């Protein structure tokens, strides 16, 4: 690298530098896991010095937390953008699920860090995941409240149903990491059929009850 190239590197805006470091960190954390990932490797992938990483984003723990926060924020933004309020309730849910699985399919390293790595490490990292899950549940709950209002579904049940759907989507996305040959819209349609057929039955007051004995 020439002197002029080094000067241009140093002049990069802070947000660009942080994005460069976070992109590299997500790649390394997704491949190695939190404990096996090294700051030396992250600095090599990012093309910056290790002291620069510490100066911009702090310790390895701080860097991992920043990765989880950024990737979770991006995922939620993608889902929110995918939901189109002017459509019928089933199409709103479909677009939300399709957006979720499309994002996971396009950003598999991101999902691996958000879900698998944060759960494995626990502590403050899983707290970030829980915060993301609460926001996702709130987003789905808002949709189901609209459905309940239009279709007669008991809106007291919407939050619990939203939590069940979010959990199912997370589990299916985790399964999909190991089965990437399945197209994203196929995966989304499987969950859509499972969820919406159940919601349709609830709307029609067709509920299952355990028999006696």
N, C-alpha and C. Protein backbone atom coordinates (compact mmCIF):
# COMPACT_ATOMS: atom_id res chain seq x y z
N UNK A 1 0.85 -1.19 0.00
CA UNK A 1 0.00 0.00 0.00
C UNK A 1 0.89 1.24 0.00
N UNK A 2 0.62 2.16 -0.92
CA UNK A 2 1.43 3.37 -1.02
C UNK A 2 1.08 4.34 0.11
N UNK A 3 1.92 5.36 0.25
CA UNK A 3 1.66 6.39 1.27
C UNK A 3 0.34 7.08 1.01
N UNK A 4 0.07 7.38 -0.27
CA UNK A 4 -1.18 8.06 -0.62
C UNK A 4 -2.39 7.19 -0.31
N UNK A 5 -2.28 5.88 -0.58
CA UNK A 5 -3.38 4.97 -0.26
C UNK A 5 -3.62 4.91 1.24
N UNK A 6 -2.56 4.89 2.03
CA UNK A 6 -2.71 4.88 3.49
C UNK A 6 -3.39 6.16 3.98
N UNK A 7 -3.07 7.28 3.33
CA UNK A 7 -3.71 8.54 3.72
C UNK A 7 -5.21 8.50 3.42
N UNK A 8 -5.57 7.93 2.25
CA UNK A 8 -6.99 7.84 1.92
C UNK A 8 -7.73 6.95 2.90
N UNK A 9 -7.07 5.85 3.32
CA UNK A 9 -7.67 4.96 4.30
C UNK A 9 -7.94 5.70 5.60
N UNK A 10 -6.96 6.49 6.03
CA UNK A 10 -7.12 7.22 7.29
C UNK A 10 -8.22 8.26 7.20
N UNK A 11 -8.50 8.76 6.00
CA UNK A 11 -9.49 9.82 5.86
C UNK A 11 -10.91 9.30 5.72
N UNK A 12 -11.11 8.01 5.74
CA UNK A 12 -12.47 7.48 5.63
C UNK A 12 -13.34 7.99 6.78
N UNK A 13 -14.59 8.38 6.50
CA UNK A 13 -15.49 8.83 7.58
C UNK A 13 -15.68 7.73 8.61
N UNK A 14 -15.98 8.12 9.83
CA UNK A 14 -16.11 7.16 10.92
C UNK A 14 -17.18 6.12 10.62
N UNK A 15 -18.34 6.54 10.08
CA UNK A 15 -19.41 5.58 9.82
C UNK A 15 -19.00 4.55 8.77
N UNK A 16 -18.19 4.96 7.81
CA UNK A 16 -17.71 4.02 6.80
C UNK A 16 -16.73 3.03 7.42
N UNK A 17 -15.86 3.54 8.27
CA UNK A 17 -14.89 2.67 8.94
C UNK A 17 -15.59 1.67 9.85
N UNK A 18 -16.58 2.14 10.61
CA UNK A 18 -17.29 1.23 11.49
C UNK A 18 -18.04 0.16 10.70
N UNK A 19 -18.65 0.55 9.59
CA UNK A 19 -19.33 -0.43 8.76
C UNK A 19 -18.35 -1.47 8.22
N UNK A 20 -17.18 -1.02 7.82
CA UNK A 20 -16.14 -1.91 7.32
C UNK A 20 -15.73 -2.92 8.39
N UNK A 21 -15.57 -2.46 9.61
CA UNK A 21 -15.17 -3.35 10.71
C UNK A 21 -16.30 -4.31 11.05
N UNK A 22 -17.52 -3.80 11.12
CA UNK A 22 -18.66 -4.65 11.47
C UNK A 22 -18.91 -5.71 10.40
N UNK A 23 -18.77 -5.34 9.15
CA UNK A 23 -18.94 -6.33 8.07
C UNK A 23 -17.95 -7.47 8.24
N UNK A 24 -16.70 -7.11 8.51
CA UNK A 24 -15.66 -8.14 8.70
C UNK A 24 -15.95 -8.98 9.93
N UNK A 25 -16.39 -8.33 11.01
CA UNK A 25 -16.65 -9.05 12.25
C UNK A 25 -17.80 -10.04 12.09
N UNK A 26 -18.86 -9.65 11.39
CA UNK A 26 -19.98 -10.56 11.15
C UNK A 26 -19.51 -11.80 10.39
N UNK A 27 -18.68 -11.59 9.39
CA UNK A 27 -18.14 -12.71 8.60
C UNK A 27 -17.34 -13.67 9.49
N UNK A 28 -16.47 -13.12 10.31
CA UNK A 28 -15.60 -13.95 11.14
C UNK A 28 -16.39 -14.62 12.26
N UNK A 29 -17.26 -13.88 12.93
CA UNK A 29 -18.07 -14.46 14.01
C UNK A 29 -18.98 -15.57 13.47
N UNK A 30 -19.55 -15.37 12.28
CA UNK A 30 -20.44 -16.37 11.70
C UNK A 30 -19.68 -17.66 11.40
N UNK A 31 -18.44 -17.53 10.95
CA UNK A 31 -17.65 -18.70 10.58
C UNK A 31 -17.01 -19.37 11.78
N UNK A 32 -16.48 -18.58 12.70
CA UNK A 32 -15.69 -19.12 13.81
C UNK A 32 -16.46 -19.29 15.10
N UNK A 33 -17.52 -18.50 15.27
CA UNK A 33 -18.15 -18.44 16.58
C UNK A 33 -17.45 -17.40 17.44
N UNK A 34 -18.11 -16.99 18.50
CA UNK A 34 -17.57 -15.89 19.31
C UNK A 34 -16.22 -16.24 19.93
N UNK A 35 -16.12 -17.40 20.58
CA UNK A 35 -14.90 -17.72 21.31
C UNK A 35 -13.71 -17.97 20.38
N UNK A 36 -13.93 -18.59 19.25
CA UNK A 36 -12.83 -18.93 18.35
C UNK A 36 -12.45 -17.78 17.42
N UNK A 37 -13.31 -16.80 17.30
CA UNK A 37 -12.97 -15.64 16.47
C UNK A 37 -11.91 -14.80 17.18
N UNK A 38 -10.94 -14.33 16.43
CA UNK A 38 -9.88 -13.51 17.01
C UNK A 38 -9.93 -12.10 16.44
N UNK A 39 -9.54 -11.15 17.25
CA UNK A 39 -9.48 -9.77 16.79
C UNK A 39 -8.42 -9.61 15.69
N UNK A 40 -7.40 -10.45 15.74
CA UNK A 40 -6.38 -10.41 14.68
C UNK A 40 -7.01 -10.76 13.33
N UNK A 41 -7.82 -11.82 13.30
CA UNK A 41 -8.46 -12.21 12.04
C UNK A 41 -9.44 -11.15 11.57
N UNK A 42 -10.20 -10.59 12.50
CA UNK A 42 -11.15 -9.54 12.13
C UNK A 42 -10.42 -8.34 11.54
N UNK A 43 -9.30 -7.97 12.14
CA UNK A 43 -8.53 -6.83 11.61
C UNK A 43 -7.99 -7.14 10.23
N UNK A 44 -7.58 -8.39 10.00
CA UNK A 44 -7.09 -8.78 8.68
C UNK A 44 -8.19 -8.70 7.63
N UNK A 45 -9.37 -9.24 7.96
CA UNK A 45 -10.49 -9.23 7.02
C UNK A 45 -10.96 -7.79 6.75
N UNK A 46 -10.96 -6.97 7.80
CA UNK A 46 -11.40 -5.58 7.65
C UNK A 46 -10.36 -4.71 6.96
N UNK A 47 -9.11 -5.14 7.00
CA UNK A 47 -8.04 -4.34 6.41
C UNK A 47 -7.67 -3.14 7.25
N UNK A 48 -7.84 -3.26 8.57
CA UNK A 48 -7.47 -2.18 9.49
C UNK A 48 -6.64 -2.79 10.62
N UNK A 49 -6.00 -1.93 11.38
CA UNK A 49 -5.21 -2.42 12.50
C UNK A 49 -6.10 -2.81 13.67
N UNK A 50 -5.60 -3.71 14.50
CA UNK A 50 -6.36 -4.11 15.68
C UNK A 50 -6.60 -2.93 16.64
N UNK A 51 -5.60 -2.06 16.87
CA UNK A 51 -5.87 -0.90 17.72
C UNK A 51 -6.99 -0.02 17.19
N UNK A 52 -7.13 0.04 15.86
CA UNK A 52 -8.21 0.85 15.30
C UNK A 52 -9.57 0.26 15.64
N UNK A 53 -9.67 -1.08 15.65
CA UNK A 53 -10.93 -1.72 16.04
C UNK A 53 -11.29 -1.36 17.48
N UNK A 54 -10.31 -1.45 18.36
CA UNK A 54 -10.56 -1.10 19.76
C UNK A 54 -10.96 0.36 19.89
N UNK A 55 -10.33 1.22 19.10
CA UNK A 55 -10.62 2.66 19.19
C UNK A 55 -12.04 2.97 18.71
N UNK A 56 -12.49 2.26 17.69
CA UNK A 56 -13.79 2.55 17.10
C UNK A 56 -14.94 1.82 17.79
N UNK A 57 -14.75 0.55 18.13
CA UNK A 57 -15.87 -0.26 18.60
C UNK A 57 -15.61 -0.99 19.91
N UNK A 58 -14.45 -0.80 20.51
CA UNK A 58 -14.20 -1.35 21.82
C UNK A 58 -13.67 -2.78 21.79
N UNK A 59 -13.93 -3.50 22.87
CA UNK A 59 -13.42 -4.86 23.04
C UNK A 59 -14.13 -5.85 22.12
N UNK A 60 -13.66 -7.07 22.14
CA UNK A 60 -14.30 -8.13 21.36
C UNK A 60 -15.75 -8.30 21.78
N UNK A 61 -16.02 -8.24 23.06
CA UNK A 61 -17.40 -8.35 23.55
C UNK A 61 -18.25 -7.20 23.04
N UNK A 62 -17.69 -5.98 23.08
CA UNK A 62 -18.41 -4.80 22.57
C UNK A 62 -18.68 -4.94 21.08
N UNK A 63 -17.69 -5.44 20.36
CA UNK A 63 -17.81 -5.60 18.91
C UNK A 63 -18.90 -6.62 18.57
N UNK A 64 -18.93 -7.72 19.30
CA UNK A 64 -19.94 -8.75 19.05
C UNK A 64 -21.33 -8.20 19.33
N UNK A 65 -21.47 -7.46 20.42
CA UNK A 65 -22.76 -6.86 20.76
C UNK A 65 -23.20 -5.87 19.68
N UNK A 66 -22.24 -5.10 19.15
CA UNK A 66 -22.55 -4.14 18.09
C UNK A 66 -23.00 -4.86 16.82
N UNK A 67 -22.39 -6.01 16.53
CA UNK A 67 -22.79 -6.80 15.37
C UNK A 67 -24.23 -7.28 15.52
N UNK A 68 -24.55 -7.82 16.68
CA UNK A 68 -25.90 -8.33 16.91
C UNK A 68 -26.92 -7.21 16.78
N UNK A 69 -26.61 -6.06 17.39
CA UNK A 69 -27.54 -4.93 17.34
C UNK A 69 -27.77 -4.47 15.91
N UNK A 70 -26.69 -4.31 15.14
CA UNK A 70 -26.83 -3.82 13.77
C UNK A 70 -27.60 -4.81 12.91
N UNK A 71 -27.26 -6.09 13.01
CA UNK A 71 -27.91 -7.08 12.16
C UNK A 71 -29.38 -7.25 12.53
N UNK A 72 -29.69 -7.20 13.83
CA UNK A 72 -31.09 -7.30 14.25
C UNK A 72 -31.89 -6.10 13.77
N UNK A 73 -31.30 -4.92 13.82
CA UNK A 73 -31.98 -3.70 13.35
C UNK A 73 -32.26 -3.79 11.87
N UNK A 74 -31.29 -4.28 11.10
CA UNK A 74 -31.47 -4.42 9.66
C UNK A 74 -32.56 -5.43 9.34
N UNK A 75 -32.60 -6.52 10.07
CA UNK A 75 -33.61 -7.55 9.83
C UNK A 75 -35.00 -7.02 10.10
N UNK A 76 -35.18 -6.35 11.22
CA UNK A 76 -36.50 -5.81 11.56
C UNK A 76 -36.94 -4.76 10.55
N UNK A 77 -36.00 -3.96 10.07
CA UNK A 77 -36.32 -2.95 9.06
C UNK A 77 -36.79 -3.61 7.77
N UNK A 78 -36.15 -4.71 7.39
CA UNK A 78 -36.53 -5.43 6.18
C UNK A 78 -37.94 -6.00 6.31
N UNK A 79 -38.27 -6.54 7.49
CA UNK A 79 -39.61 -7.11 7.70
C UNK A 79 -40.66 -6.00 7.66
N UNK A 80 -40.38 -4.91 8.36
CA UNK A 80 -41.34 -3.79 8.42
C UNK A 80 -41.58 -3.22 7.03
N UNK A 81 -40.54 -3.14 6.23
CA UNK A 81 -40.68 -2.63 4.88
C UNK A 81 -41.51 -3.58 4.02
N UNK A 82 -41.38 -4.88 4.28
CA UNK A 82 -42.10 -5.88 3.49
C UNK A 82 -43.59 -5.90 3.75
N UNK A 83 -44.02 -5.52 4.96
CA UNK A 83 -45.45 -5.53 5.30
C UNK A 83 -46.14 -4.35 4.63
N UNK A 84 -47.19 -4.62 3.90
CA UNK A 84 -47.92 -3.57 3.16
C UNK A 84 -49.33 -3.47 3.72
N UNK A 85 -49.56 -2.39 4.46
CA UNK A 85 -50.80 -2.24 5.23
C UNK A 85 -52.04 -2.14 4.35
N UNK A 86 -51.89 -1.79 3.07
CA UNK A 86 -53.08 -1.62 2.21
C UNK A 86 -53.63 -2.94 1.71
N UNK A 87 -52.91 -4.04 1.93
CA UNK A 87 -53.34 -5.34 1.42
C UNK A 87 -54.24 -6.06 2.42
N UNK A 88 -54.86 -7.12 1.96
CA UNK A 88 -55.67 -7.97 2.84
C UNK A 88 -54.78 -8.58 3.91
N UNK A 89 -55.35 -8.94 5.07
CA UNK A 89 -54.54 -9.44 6.17
C UNK A 89 -53.64 -10.63 5.81
N UNK A 90 -54.17 -11.59 5.04
CA UNK A 90 -53.33 -12.73 4.71
C UNK A 90 -52.14 -12.32 3.85
N UNK A 91 -52.35 -11.35 2.93
CA UNK A 91 -51.25 -10.90 2.09
C UNK A 91 -50.25 -10.06 2.88
N UNK A 92 -50.74 -9.34 3.88
CA UNK A 92 -49.81 -8.61 4.75
C UNK A 92 -48.87 -9.59 5.45
N UNK A 93 -49.46 -10.63 6.02
CA UNK A 93 -48.65 -11.62 6.72
C UNK A 93 -47.70 -12.32 5.75
N UNK A 94 -48.19 -12.65 4.57
CA UNK A 94 -47.35 -13.32 3.58
C UNK A 94 -46.14 -12.46 3.21
N UNK A 95 -46.38 -11.19 2.94
CA UNK A 95 -45.27 -10.31 2.56
C UNK A 95 -44.27 -10.16 3.71
N UNK A 96 -44.78 -10.12 4.94
CA UNK A 96 -43.87 -10.04 6.08
C UNK A 96 -42.99 -11.28 6.20
N UNK A 97 -43.61 -12.46 6.08
CA UNK A 97 -42.84 -13.71 6.14
C UNK A 97 -41.88 -13.82 4.96
N UNK A 98 -42.34 -13.46 3.78
CA UNK A 98 -41.47 -13.53 2.60
C UNK A 98 -40.27 -12.61 2.77
N UNK A 99 -40.51 -11.41 3.32
CA UNK A 99 -39.40 -10.48 3.54
C UNK A 99 -38.41 -11.03 4.56
N UNK A 100 -38.93 -11.67 5.60
CA UNK A 100 -38.06 -12.26 6.62
C UNK A 100 -37.16 -13.33 6.02
N UNK A 101 -37.75 -14.28 5.31
CA UNK A 101 -36.95 -15.38 4.77
C UNK A 101 -36.06 -14.93 3.62
N UNK A 102 -36.49 -13.95 2.88
CA UNK A 102 -35.63 -13.42 1.83
C UNK A 102 -34.39 -12.78 2.44
N UNK A 103 -34.60 -12.04 3.54
CA UNK A 103 -33.46 -11.40 4.21
C UNK A 103 -32.51 -12.45 4.77
N UNK A 104 -33.06 -13.45 5.45
CA UNK A 104 -32.21 -14.50 6.03
C UNK A 104 -31.44 -15.22 4.93
N UNK A 105 -32.12 -15.50 3.81
CA UNK A 105 -31.45 -16.20 2.72
C UNK A 105 -30.33 -15.39 2.09
N UNK A 106 -30.52 -14.08 2.05
CA UNK A 106 -29.51 -13.21 1.45
C UNK A 106 -28.40 -12.88 2.43
N UNK A 107 -28.69 -12.95 3.72
CA UNK A 107 -27.72 -12.58 4.75
C UNK A 107 -27.59 -13.72 5.77
N UNK A 108 -27.17 -14.86 5.29
CA UNK A 108 -27.07 -16.04 6.16
C UNK A 108 -26.06 -15.83 7.29
N UNK A 109 -24.96 -15.16 7.00
CA UNK A 109 -23.98 -14.88 8.06
C UNK A 109 -24.61 -14.03 9.15
N UNK A 110 -25.42 -13.08 8.73
CA UNK A 110 -26.10 -12.20 9.68
C UNK A 110 -27.01 -13.01 10.60
N UNK A 111 -27.84 -13.89 10.03
CA UNK A 111 -28.74 -14.69 10.85
C UNK A 111 -27.98 -15.64 11.77
N UNK A 112 -26.88 -16.19 11.26
CA UNK A 112 -26.08 -17.08 12.08
C UNK A 112 -25.57 -16.36 13.33
N UNK A 113 -25.16 -15.12 13.16
CA UNK A 113 -24.68 -14.34 14.30
C UNK A 113 -25.83 -13.94 15.21
N UNK A 114 -26.93 -13.46 14.61
CA UNK A 114 -28.08 -13.01 15.41
C UNK A 114 -28.64 -14.14 16.25
N UNK A 115 -28.86 -15.29 15.62
CA UNK A 115 -29.60 -16.34 16.29
C UNK A 115 -28.71 -17.38 16.94
N UNK A 116 -27.89 -18.05 16.16
CA UNK A 116 -27.12 -19.15 16.73
C UNK A 116 -26.04 -18.66 17.69
N UNK A 117 -25.27 -17.67 17.29
CA UNK A 117 -24.15 -17.25 18.13
C UNK A 117 -24.62 -16.52 19.39
N UNK A 118 -25.62 -15.66 19.26
CA UNK A 118 -26.08 -14.91 20.44
C UNK A 118 -26.72 -15.84 21.46
N UNK A 119 -27.47 -16.85 21.00
CA UNK A 119 -28.07 -17.81 21.92
C UNK A 119 -27.00 -18.63 22.62
N UNK A 120 -26.00 -19.05 21.86
CA UNK A 120 -24.93 -19.87 22.42
C UNK A 120 -24.18 -19.13 23.51
N UNK A 121 -23.92 -17.85 23.30
CA UNK A 121 -23.13 -17.08 24.26
C UNK A 121 -23.95 -16.62 25.46
N UNK A 122 -25.23 -16.39 25.26
CA UNK A 122 -26.08 -15.99 26.39
C UNK A 122 -25.74 -14.62 26.91
N UNK A 123 -26.11 -14.35 28.17
CA UNK A 123 -25.79 -13.09 28.81
C UNK A 123 -26.34 -11.89 28.06
N UNK A 124 -25.55 -10.81 27.99
CA UNK A 124 -26.01 -9.59 27.33
C UNK A 124 -26.28 -9.78 25.85
N UNK A 125 -25.64 -10.78 25.25
CA UNK A 125 -25.85 -11.03 23.82
C UNK A 125 -27.26 -11.56 23.58
N UNK A 126 -27.71 -12.49 24.40
CA UNK A 126 -29.07 -13.00 24.24
C UNK A 126 -30.09 -11.92 24.58
N UNK A 127 -29.72 -10.95 25.43
CA UNK A 127 -30.62 -9.84 25.73
C UNK A 127 -30.94 -9.06 24.47
N UNK A 128 -29.95 -8.89 23.61
CA UNK A 128 -30.16 -8.18 22.34
C UNK A 128 -31.11 -8.97 21.45
N UNK A 129 -30.95 -10.28 21.45
CA UNK A 129 -31.86 -11.13 20.68
C UNK A 129 -33.28 -11.04 21.22
N UNK A 130 -33.42 -11.04 22.53
CA UNK A 130 -34.74 -10.93 23.14
C UNK A 130 -35.40 -9.60 22.79
N UNK A 131 -34.61 -8.53 22.75
CA UNK A 131 -35.15 -7.23 22.37
C UNK A 131 -35.66 -7.26 20.93
N UNK A 132 -34.89 -7.90 20.04
CA UNK A 132 -35.33 -8.04 18.65
C UNK A 132 -36.61 -8.85 18.58
N UNK A 133 -36.68 -9.93 19.36
CA UNK A 133 -37.86 -10.79 19.34
C UNK A 133 -39.09 -10.02 19.83
N UNK A 134 -38.92 -9.21 20.87
CA UNK A 134 -40.06 -8.42 21.37
C UNK A 134 -40.56 -7.46 20.29
N UNK A 135 -39.66 -6.85 19.55
CA UNK A 135 -40.07 -5.94 18.48
C UNK A 135 -40.78 -6.69 17.36
N UNK A 136 -40.27 -7.88 17.03
CA UNK A 136 -40.91 -8.68 15.99
C UNK A 136 -42.30 -9.11 16.43
N UNK A 137 -42.43 -9.52 17.69
CA UNK A 137 -43.74 -9.92 18.21
C UNK A 137 -44.70 -8.74 18.16
N UNK A 138 -44.22 -7.57 18.52
CA UNK A 138 -45.07 -6.37 18.48
C UNK A 138 -45.54 -6.08 17.06
N UNK A 139 -44.64 -6.25 16.09
CA UNK A 139 -44.99 -6.01 14.69
C UNK A 139 -46.07 -6.99 14.23
N UNK A 140 -45.89 -8.28 14.53
CA UNK A 140 -46.87 -9.29 14.13
C UNK A 140 -48.17 -9.10 14.91
N UNK A 141 -48.06 -8.74 16.18
CA UNK A 141 -49.25 -8.52 17.00
C UNK A 141 -50.10 -7.40 16.42
N UNK A 142 -49.44 -6.34 15.96
CA UNK A 142 -50.18 -5.23 15.35
C UNK A 142 -50.97 -5.72 14.15
N UNK A 143 -50.36 -6.57 13.34
CA UNK A 143 -51.06 -7.13 12.19
C UNK A 143 -52.24 -7.98 12.64
N UNK A 144 -52.02 -8.83 13.62
CA UNK A 144 -53.09 -9.73 14.07
C UNK A 144 -54.24 -8.98 14.72
N UNK A 145 -53.93 -7.85 15.36
CA UNK A 145 -55.00 -7.02 15.93
C UNK A 145 -55.88 -6.50 14.80
N UNK A 146 -55.26 -6.12 13.69
CA UNK A 146 -56.05 -5.66 12.55
C UNK A 146 -56.92 -6.80 12.02
N UNK A 147 -56.34 -7.99 11.99
CA UNK A 147 -57.10 -9.15 11.56
C UNK A 147 -58.26 -9.41 12.51
N UNK A 148 -57.97 -9.33 13.81
CA UNK A 148 -58.99 -9.61 14.82
C UNK A 148 -60.14 -8.62 14.71
N UNK A 149 -59.79 -7.37 14.46
CA UNK A 149 -60.82 -6.33 14.35
C UNK A 149 -61.74 -6.60 13.16
N UNK A 150 -61.14 -7.05 12.06
CA UNK A 150 -61.93 -7.26 10.84
C UNK A 150 -62.68 -8.60 10.85
N UNK A 151 -62.07 -9.60 11.46
CA UNK A 151 -62.59 -10.95 11.30
C UNK A 151 -63.21 -11.55 12.56
N UNK A 152 -63.13 -10.86 13.68
CA UNK A 152 -63.77 -11.38 14.88
C UNK A 152 -62.89 -12.25 15.75
N UNK A 153 -61.60 -12.31 15.44
CA UNK A 153 -60.68 -13.07 16.29
C UNK A 153 -60.53 -12.36 17.64
N UNK A 154 -60.49 -13.12 18.70
CA UNK A 154 -60.33 -12.56 20.04
C UNK A 154 -58.98 -11.86 20.12
N UNK A 155 -58.99 -10.53 20.20
CA UNK A 155 -57.73 -9.79 20.16
C UNK A 155 -56.90 -9.98 21.43
N UNK A 156 -57.49 -10.55 22.49
CA UNK A 156 -56.69 -10.85 23.68
C UNK A 156 -55.68 -11.95 23.41
N UNK A 157 -55.93 -12.73 22.37
CA UNK A 157 -55.03 -13.84 22.04
C UNK A 157 -53.94 -13.45 21.07
N UNK A 158 -53.99 -12.24 20.52
CA UNK A 158 -53.09 -11.92 19.41
C UNK A 158 -51.62 -11.90 19.83
N UNK A 159 -51.31 -11.40 21.01
CA UNK A 159 -49.90 -11.33 21.41
C UNK A 159 -49.29 -12.72 21.56
N UNK A 160 -50.05 -13.62 22.17
CA UNK A 160 -49.52 -14.98 22.33
C UNK A 160 -49.38 -15.67 20.98
N UNK A 161 -50.32 -15.44 20.07
CA UNK A 161 -50.22 -16.02 18.73
C UNK A 161 -49.04 -15.42 17.97
N UNK A 162 -48.82 -14.12 18.16
CA UNK A 162 -47.68 -13.47 17.51
C UNK A 162 -46.37 -14.06 18.02
N UNK A 163 -46.29 -14.30 19.33
CA UNK A 163 -45.08 -14.90 19.89
C UNK A 163 -44.85 -16.29 19.33
N UNK A 164 -45.93 -17.07 19.16
CA UNK A 164 -45.80 -18.41 18.60
C UNK A 164 -45.31 -18.36 17.16
N UNK A 165 -45.83 -17.41 16.40
CA UNK A 165 -45.43 -17.30 15.00
C UNK A 165 -43.98 -16.86 14.86
N UNK A 166 -43.56 -15.89 15.68
CA UNK A 166 -42.17 -15.44 15.64
C UNK A 166 -41.23 -16.59 16.01
N UNK A 167 -41.60 -17.34 17.05
CA UNK A 167 -40.77 -18.48 17.44
C UNK A 167 -40.68 -19.52 16.34
N UNK A 168 -41.80 -19.77 15.66
CA UNK A 168 -41.80 -20.73 14.56
C UNK A 168 -40.92 -20.24 13.42
N UNK A 169 -41.00 -18.95 13.11
CA UNK A 169 -40.18 -18.39 12.03
C UNK A 169 -38.69 -18.51 12.37
N UNK A 170 -38.32 -18.24 13.61
CA UNK A 170 -36.92 -18.36 14.01
C UNK A 170 -36.43 -19.80 13.90
N UNK A 171 -37.24 -20.74 14.36
CA UNK A 171 -36.85 -22.14 14.29
C UNK A 171 -36.73 -22.63 12.86
N UNK A 172 -37.66 -22.20 12.01
CA UNK A 172 -37.61 -22.61 10.62
C UNK A 172 -36.40 -21.99 9.92
N UNK A 173 -36.09 -20.74 10.23
CA UNK A 173 -34.91 -20.10 9.64
C UNK A 173 -33.64 -20.80 10.08
N UNK A 174 -33.60 -21.25 11.32
CA UNK A 174 -32.44 -21.98 11.81
C UNK A 174 -32.30 -23.32 11.08
N UNK A 175 -33.42 -24.00 10.85
CA UNK A 175 -33.41 -25.24 10.07
C UNK A 175 -32.91 -24.97 8.66
N UNK A 176 -33.33 -23.83 8.12
CA UNK A 176 -33.00 -23.48 6.74
C UNK A 176 -31.50 -23.25 6.55
N UNK A 177 -30.81 -22.81 7.60
CA UNK A 177 -29.37 -22.64 7.50
C UNK A 177 -28.68 -23.94 7.09
N UNK A 178 -29.24 -25.05 7.54
CA UNK A 178 -28.65 -26.36 7.23
C UNK A 178 -29.27 -27.00 5.99
N UNK A 179 -30.27 -26.33 5.41
CA UNK A 179 -30.95 -26.85 4.22
C UNK A 179 -31.11 -25.71 3.19
N UNK A 180 -30.02 -25.11 2.78
CA UNK A 180 -30.10 -23.91 1.93
C UNK A 180 -30.61 -24.16 0.52
N UNK A 181 -30.76 -25.43 0.14
CA UNK A 181 -31.23 -25.72 -1.22
C UNK A 181 -32.70 -25.40 -1.41
N UNK A 182 -33.45 -25.25 -0.32
CA UNK A 182 -34.88 -24.93 -0.41
C UNK A 182 -35.04 -23.44 -0.70
N UNK A 183 -35.78 -23.05 -1.74
CA UNK A 183 -35.97 -21.63 -2.05
C UNK A 183 -36.66 -20.88 -0.92
N UNK A 184 -36.34 -19.60 -0.78
CA UNK A 184 -36.87 -18.80 0.33
C UNK A 184 -38.39 -18.74 0.31
N UNK A 185 -38.99 -18.59 -0.87
CA UNK A 185 -40.45 -18.47 -0.93
C UNK A 185 -41.14 -19.79 -0.62
N UNK A 186 -40.47 -20.90 -0.85
CA UNK A 186 -41.02 -22.19 -0.46
C UNK A 186 -41.04 -22.31 1.05
N UNK A 187 -39.94 -21.91 1.69
CA UNK A 187 -39.88 -21.94 3.14
C UNK A 187 -40.94 -21.03 3.74
N UNK A 188 -41.05 -19.81 3.19
CA UNK A 188 -42.05 -18.86 3.68
C UNK A 188 -43.46 -19.40 3.50
N UNK A 189 -43.73 -20.04 2.36
CA UNK A 189 -45.09 -20.54 2.11
C UNK A 189 -45.45 -21.69 3.05
N UNK A 190 -44.47 -22.47 3.44
CA UNK A 190 -44.75 -23.56 4.39
C UNK A 190 -45.23 -23.00 5.72
N UNK A 191 -44.54 -21.97 6.21
CA UNK A 191 -44.96 -21.38 7.47
C UNK A 191 -46.27 -20.62 7.31
N UNK A 192 -46.43 -19.98 6.15
CA UNK A 192 -47.67 -19.26 5.90
C UNK A 192 -48.86 -20.20 5.93
N UNK A 193 -48.73 -21.35 5.31
CA UNK A 193 -49.82 -22.31 5.31
C UNK A 193 -50.11 -22.83 6.71
N UNK A 194 -49.04 -23.12 7.45
CA UNK A 194 -49.23 -23.61 8.82
C UNK A 194 -49.93 -22.56 9.67
N UNK A 195 -49.48 -21.31 9.55
CA UNK A 195 -50.01 -20.24 10.40
C UNK A 195 -51.40 -19.80 9.95
N UNK A 196 -51.53 -19.49 8.67
CA UNK A 196 -52.78 -18.88 8.22
C UNK A 196 -53.95 -19.85 8.25
N UNK A 197 -53.71 -21.12 7.96
CA UNK A 197 -54.80 -22.07 8.06
C UNK A 197 -55.31 -22.16 9.49
N UNK A 198 -54.37 -22.06 10.44
CA UNK A 198 -54.78 -22.05 11.84
C UNK A 198 -55.53 -20.80 12.20
N UNK A 199 -55.04 -19.64 11.74
CA UNK A 199 -55.73 -18.39 12.01
C UNK A 199 -57.12 -18.38 11.38
N UNK A 200 -57.23 -18.96 10.18
CA UNK A 200 -58.53 -19.00 9.51
C UNK A 200 -59.54 -19.78 10.34
N UNK A 201 -59.08 -20.89 10.93
CA UNK A 201 -59.97 -21.67 11.77
C UNK A 201 -60.43 -20.89 13.00
N UNK A 202 -59.50 -20.15 13.60
CA UNK A 202 -59.86 -19.34 14.77
C UNK A 202 -60.87 -18.26 14.40
N UNK A 203 -60.69 -17.65 13.23
CA UNK A 203 -61.62 -16.61 12.80
C UNK A 203 -63.03 -17.15 12.63
N UNK A 204 -63.11 -18.41 12.21
CA UNK A 204 -64.42 -19.04 12.00
C UNK A 204 -64.91 -19.75 13.26
N UNK A 205 -64.22 -19.48 14.38
CA UNK A 205 -64.58 -20.09 15.66
C UNK A 205 -64.50 -21.60 15.59
N UNK A 206 -63.57 -22.11 14.77
CA UNK A 206 -63.36 -23.54 14.67
C UNK A 206 -62.10 -23.87 15.45
N UNK A 207 -62.27 -24.19 16.72
CA UNK A 207 -61.12 -24.44 17.58
C UNK A 207 -61.10 -25.89 18.05
N UNK A 208 -59.89 -26.39 18.27
CA UNK A 208 -59.71 -27.76 18.76
C UNK A 208 -59.73 -27.77 20.27
N UNK A 209 -60.37 -28.79 20.84
CA UNK A 209 -60.38 -28.96 22.29
C UNK A 209 -60.04 -30.41 22.61
N UNK A 210 -59.27 -30.64 23.63
CA UNK A 210 -58.92 -32.02 23.98
C UNK A 210 -60.16 -32.79 24.42
N UNK A 211 -60.24 -34.04 24.00
CA UNK A 211 -61.35 -34.86 24.42
C UNK A 211 -61.16 -35.37 25.83
N UNK A 212 -62.19 -35.93 26.37
CA UNK A 212 -62.08 -36.47 27.73
C UNK A 212 -61.40 -37.83 27.71
N UNK A 213 -60.61 -38.10 28.75
CA UNK A 213 -59.96 -39.40 28.85
C UNK A 213 -58.64 -39.47 28.12
